[in-house]
């Protein structure tokens, strides 16, 4: 087993970012591709410029009455076809709290990120959560411990949530075999986990690109195990997997 280097330092990386989520001058300056950065800066300048270092709203996309968004920025198509719309860019990010896993190998753990949330039912039948960071997960792996654990040894895992996991939300009484359900109906209720923190789970419609729309049904937030607007039992999250052929099936529940 390799030794962990418990040394925190700065580490730079690049990450994909939806163009419509760019809303500050600082973010624009972190765009990796210099040509795209120049296009974005020129587009902002030609449309009124920054306001208190903020990017004007709806500057990169037009939205029609049906809610469909069309891009305003394009790259030239060197093969002679139509210009290529710019929808995503890459940002350079510097992480100040990372741990190097192995000397002379470019592998790091971001101590700020969470790996998963385990939702479990305790001995009294109440739903609880166990939030696990990436660092805790690395320690479990290095010590040959089970990756999924819960504080209550006699409790039962209901499901786990990771960023980008898929869930069917807001549908009751689904058949255990999802192949017996209408696929077109299920697809309208498939959500992707967007963010995770303590009793704060954000879901967004998986097949809708309106990333800035935080209204229902595009966006759902759960922050308790109740039955009200932001309650777990208001939406009955059911974890699924979607195959490359588009088949929907229930995801397996980790065993302790």
Protein backbone atom coordinates (compact mmCIF):
# COMPACT_ATOMS: atom_id res chain seq x y z
CA UNK A 1 0.00 0.00 0.00
CA UNK A 2 1.42 3.36 -1.01
CA UNK A 3 2.01 5.95 1.71
CA UNK A 4 -0.18 9.03 1.84
CA UNK A 5 1.63 12.33 1.81
CA UNK A 6 -0.33 14.41 4.32
CA UNK A 7 0.84 17.65 2.82
CA UNK A 8 -1.54 20.39 1.75
CA UNK A 9 -0.49 22.62 -1.17
CA UNK A 10 -1.79 24.44 -4.22
CA UNK A 11 -2.62 22.41 -7.30
CA UNK A 12 -3.89 23.75 -10.63
CA UNK A 13 -6.31 21.88 -12.85
CA UNK A 14 -8.80 22.51 -15.64
CA UNK A 15 -12.48 21.72 -15.47
CA UNK A 16 -15.41 21.92 -17.93
CA UNK A 17 -17.91 24.70 -17.35
CA UNK A 18 -21.20 25.62 -19.03
CA UNK A 19 -20.84 29.00 -20.72
CA UNK A 20 -24.22 30.16 -19.42
CA UNK A 21 -22.94 29.81 -15.83
CA UNK A 22 -20.17 32.36 -16.38
CA UNK A 23 -21.30 35.45 -14.49
CA UNK A 24 -18.18 37.29 -13.25
CA UNK A 25 -15.13 38.92 -14.80
CA UNK A 26 -12.92 36.69 -12.63
CA UNK A 27 -14.42 33.57 -14.23
CA UNK A 28 -13.91 34.97 -17.73
CA UNK A 29 -10.24 35.57 -16.94
CA UNK A 30 -9.86 31.89 -15.99
CA UNK A 31 -11.01 30.58 -19.41
CA UNK A 32 -8.16 28.36 -20.59
CA UNK A 33 -8.41 28.74 -24.38
CA UNK A 34 -7.05 32.25 -25.24
CA UNK A 35 -9.05 32.49 -28.50
CA UNK A 36 -12.36 31.65 -26.78
CA UNK A 37 -11.49 34.01 -23.92
CA UNK A 38 -10.93 36.83 -26.43
CA UNK A 39 -14.27 36.05 -28.12
CA UNK A 40 -16.08 36.12 -24.78
CA UNK A 41 -14.41 39.35 -23.67
CA UNK A 42 -15.15 41.06 -27.00
CA UNK A 43 -18.77 39.89 -26.90
CA UNK A 44 -19.22 41.29 -23.39
CA UNK A 45 -17.56 44.58 -24.35
CA UNK A 46 -19.80 44.94 -27.43
CA UNK A 47 -22.90 44.38 -25.30
CA UNK A 48 -22.40 46.99 -22.63
CA UNK A 49 -19.44 45.60 -20.73
CA UNK A 50 -19.26 44.48 -17.11
CA UNK A 51 -21.34 45.99 -14.32
CA UNK A 52 -19.47 45.85 -11.00
CA UNK A 53 -17.38 43.01 -12.50
CA UNK A 54 -20.59 41.08 -13.26
CA UNK A 55 -21.41 39.66 -16.70
CA UNK A 56 -24.75 40.96 -18.08
CA UNK A 57 -27.57 38.43 -17.77
CA UNK A 58 -28.57 36.33 -20.80
CA UNK A 59 -25.63 37.67 -22.78
CA UNK A 60 -24.49 34.34 -24.23
CA UNK A 61 -27.87 32.78 -25.15
CA UNK A 62 -31.28 33.84 -26.44
CA UNK A 63 -34.38 32.16 -24.99
CA UNK A 64 -37.59 31.79 -27.02
CA UNK A 65 -41.16 31.62 -25.70
CA UNK A 66 -40.90 27.83 -25.38
CA UNK A 67 -37.85 28.11 -23.14
CA UNK A 68 -35.40 26.83 -25.78
CA UNK A 69 -31.99 28.47 -25.69
CA UNK A 70 -29.94 29.36 -28.75
CA UNK A 71 -26.25 30.39 -28.48
CA UNK A 72 -24.90 33.76 -29.56
CA UNK A 73 -21.18 32.85 -29.67
CA UNK A 74 -19.69 30.64 -32.38
CA UNK A 75 -16.35 29.23 -33.49
CA UNK A 76 -15.47 29.09 -37.19
CA UNK A 77 -15.88 25.71 -38.83
CA UNK A 78 -12.58 24.99 -40.60
CA UNK A 79 -14.23 22.18 -42.59
CA UNK A 80 -16.49 24.66 -44.34
CA UNK A 81 -19.74 23.89 -42.52
CA UNK A 82 -21.87 26.01 -40.24
CA UNK A 83 -20.16 27.83 -37.36
CA UNK A 84 -19.83 25.79 -34.18
CA UNK A 85 -21.83 27.13 -31.21
CA UNK A 86 -19.90 27.63 -27.97
CA UNK A 87 -21.79 25.97 -25.12
CA UNK A 88 -19.00 24.81 -22.83
CA UNK A 89 -15.58 26.14 -21.97
CA UNK A 90 -12.72 25.08 -19.72
CA UNK A 91 -11.70 27.05 -16.64
CA UNK A 92 -8.37 26.91 -14.84
CA UNK A 93 -8.87 26.31 -11.14
CA UNK A 94 -6.31 26.44 -8.34
CA UNK A 95 -7.07 24.24 -5.34
CA UNK A 96 -5.38 25.28 -2.12
CA UNK A 97 -6.30 22.25 0.01
CA UNK A 98 -5.24 19.10 -1.80
CA UNK A 99 -3.37 16.02 -0.65
CA UNK A 100 -0.85 14.24 -2.85
CA UNK A 101 -1.46 10.50 -2.89
CA UNK A 102 1.90 9.30 -4.13
CA UNK A 103 5.23 11.04 -4.58
CA UNK A 104 6.17 11.98 -8.16
CA UNK A 105 2.68 10.99 -9.40
CA UNK A 106 0.14 13.61 -10.41
CA UNK A 107 -2.74 12.29 -8.29
CA UNK A 108 -4.41 14.47 -5.69
CA UNK A 109 -7.50 14.55 -3.48
CA UNK A 110 -9.47 17.75 -3.05
CA UNK A 111 -10.24 17.91 0.65
CA UNK A 112 -13.14 20.28 0.07
CA UNK A 113 -15.25 17.88 -2.01
CA UNK A 114 -17.78 15.33 -0.83
CA UNK A 115 -17.75 11.83 -2.32
CA UNK A 116 -21.24 10.62 -1.46
CA UNK A 117 -24.18 10.70 0.90
CA UNK A 118 -25.54 7.43 2.25
CA UNK A 119 -29.24 7.61 3.13
CA UNK A 120 -30.12 4.99 5.70
CA UNK A 121 -32.92 3.94 8.03
CA UNK A 122 -31.98 3.64 11.69
CA UNK A 123 -33.30 1.14 14.23
CA UNK A 124 -36.26 3.41 15.00
CA UNK A 125 -37.26 3.51 11.34
CA UNK A 126 -36.19 7.13 10.83
CA UNK A 127 -34.23 8.25 7.77
CA UNK A 128 -30.72 9.59 8.42
CA UNK A 129 -27.74 10.65 6.31
CA UNK A 130 -24.02 9.92 6.40
CA UNK A 131 -21.99 12.47 4.43
CA UNK A 132 -18.58 11.16 3.33
CA UNK A 133 -15.80 13.35 1.91
CA UNK A 134 -13.31 12.27 -0.75
CA UNK A 135 -10.62 12.24 1.90
CA UNK A 136 -12.60 9.85 4.12
CA UNK A 137 -13.17 7.62 1.09
CA UNK A 138 -9.44 7.54 0.31
CA UNK A 139 -8.69 6.54 3.91
CA UNK A 140 -11.24 3.72 3.77
CA UNK A 141 -9.73 2.46 0.53
CA UNK A 142 -6.19 2.58 1.88
CA UNK A 143 -7.22 0.74 5.06
CA UNK A 144 -9.19 -1.93 3.16
CA UNK A 145 -12.41 -0.83 4.85
CA UNK A 146 -15.87 -1.05 3.27
CA UNK A 147 -16.42 1.98 1.07
CA UNK A 148 -20.02 2.39 2.19
CA UNK A 149 -20.69 2.47 5.92
CA UNK A 150 -23.37 3.90 8.22
CA UNK A 151 -23.10 4.94 11.89
CA UNK A 152 -25.95 2.61 12.95
CA UNK A 153 -24.65 -0.97 12.71
CA UNK A 154 -28.21 -2.30 12.72
CA UNK A 155 -29.51 0.25 10.25
CA UNK A 156 -30.24 -0.30 6.57
CA UNK A 157 -28.91 1.64 3.58
CA UNK A 158 -31.76 3.00 1.48
CA UNK A 159 -29.66 4.55 -1.29
CA UNK A 160 -26.50 6.53 -2.00
CA UNK A 161 -26.06 9.84 -3.79
CA UNK A 162 -23.01 10.85 -5.82
CA UNK A 163 -22.65 13.84 -8.12
CA UNK A 164 -24.22 12.95 -11.52
CA UNK A 165 -26.17 9.95 -10.18
CA UNK A 166 -29.57 9.58 -11.85
CA UNK A 167 -32.88 9.44 -9.96
CA UNK A 168 -36.54 9.24 -10.89
CA UNK A 169 -38.25 11.98 -8.89
CA UNK A 170 -41.86 12.72 -8.07
CA UNK A 171 -43.34 9.39 -9.13
CA UNK A 172 -45.03 6.93 -6.75
CA UNK A 173 -45.89 3.24 -7.10
CA UNK A 174 -43.49 2.40 -9.91
CA UNK A 175 -43.21 -1.25 -10.89
CA UNK A 176 -40.08 -2.90 -9.50
CA UNK A 177 -39.24 -3.86 -13.09
CA UNK A 178 -38.94 -0.47 -14.78
CA UNK A 179 -39.03 -2.07 -18.23
CA UNK A 180 -42.78 -2.47 -17.67
CA UNK A 181 -43.22 1.28 -17.35
CA UNK A 182 -43.56 3.76 -20.20
CA UNK A 183 -40.06 4.82 -21.15
CA UNK A 184 -41.20 8.23 -22.44
CA UNK A 185 -42.97 8.85 -19.11
CA UNK A 186 -39.94 7.84 -17.05
CA UNK A 187 -37.57 10.03 -19.06
CA UNK A 188 -39.62 13.12 -18.15
CA UNK A 189 -38.89 12.42 -14.49
CA UNK A 190 -35.17 11.58 -14.63
CA UNK A 191 -33.02 13.95 -12.58
CA UNK A 192 -29.26 14.21 -12.11
CA UNK A 193 -27.61 14.97 -8.77
CA UNK A 194 -25.95 18.36 -9.15
CA UNK A 195 -24.67 19.22 -5.66
CA UNK A 196 -24.29 17.48 -2.31
CA UNK A 197 -23.77 18.79 1.19
CA UNK A 198 -25.24 18.11 4.62
CA UNK A 199 -28.99 17.70 4.14
CA UNK A 200 -28.81 19.75 0.98
CA UNK A 201 -29.22 17.73 -2.20
CA UNK A 202 -29.75 19.47 -5.52
CA UNK A 203 -31.27 17.70 -8.53
CA UNK A 204 -31.71 18.94 -12.08
CA UNK A 205 -33.67 17.45 -14.98
CA UNK A 206 -31.18 15.20 -16.76
CA UNK A 207 -32.36 15.97 -20.29
CA UNK A 208 -32.81 19.73 -19.99
CA UNK A 209 -29.93 22.13 -20.64
CA UNK A 210 -31.39 25.12 -18.79
CA UNK A 211 -28.71 25.04 -16.12
CA UNK A 212 -29.54 28.48 -14.80
CA UNK A 213 -33.24 27.72 -14.25
CA UNK A 214 -33.88 26.98 -10.58
CA UNK A 215 -37.65 26.67 -10.88
CA UNK A 216 -39.61 23.44 -10.57
CA UNK A 217 -39.70 21.08 -12.46
CA UNK A 218 -36.25 21.90 -13.89
CA UNK A 219 -34.72 21.98 -10.43
CA UNK A 220 -35.48 20.19 -7.13
CA UNK A 221 -33.83 20.77 -3.77
CA UNK A 222 -34.16 18.37 -0.81
CA UNK A 223 -32.99 19.40 2.66
CA UNK A 224 -34.98 17.22 5.07
CA UNK A 225 -36.64 13.84 5.38
CA UNK A 226 -40.17 15.19 5.58
CA UNK A 227 -43.15 15.42 3.26
CA UNK A 228 -43.25 19.14 2.52
CA UNK A 229 -41.86 21.17 -0.39
CA UNK A 230 -38.20 20.28 0.17
CA UNK A 231 -38.80 16.91 1.83
CA UNK A 232 -37.39 13.57 0.70
CA UNK A 233 -40.82 11.92 0.82
CA UNK A 234 -42.35 14.61 -1.36
CA UNK A 235 -40.32 13.35 -4.33
CA UNK A 236 -39.64 9.66 -3.54
CA UNK A 237 -36.15 9.61 -5.15
CA UNK A 238 -35.48 6.26 -6.81
CA UNK A 239 -31.97 5.67 -8.07
CA UNK A 240 -31.63 4.32 -11.60
CA UNK A 241 -29.10 3.48 -14.27
CA UNK A 242 -29.50 4.19 -17.97
CA UNK A 243 -27.69 1.88 -20.39
CA UNK A 244 -26.03 3.04 -23.61
CA UNK A 245 -29.09 1.75 -25.49
CA UNK A 246 -31.37 3.87 -23.31
CA UNK A 247 -32.75 1.09 -21.13
CA UNK A 248 -33.72 2.22 -17.63
CA UNK A 249 -33.23 -0.06 -14.63
CA UNK A 250 -33.03 0.35 -10.88
CA UNK A 251 -29.55 0.84 -9.47
CA UNK A 252 -28.19 -1.70 -7.01
CA UNK A 253 -28.15 -0.73 -3.32
CA UNK A 254 -24.70 -1.11 -1.70
CA UNK A 255 -24.49 -3.80 0.96
CA UNK A 256 -22.74 -3.30 4.28
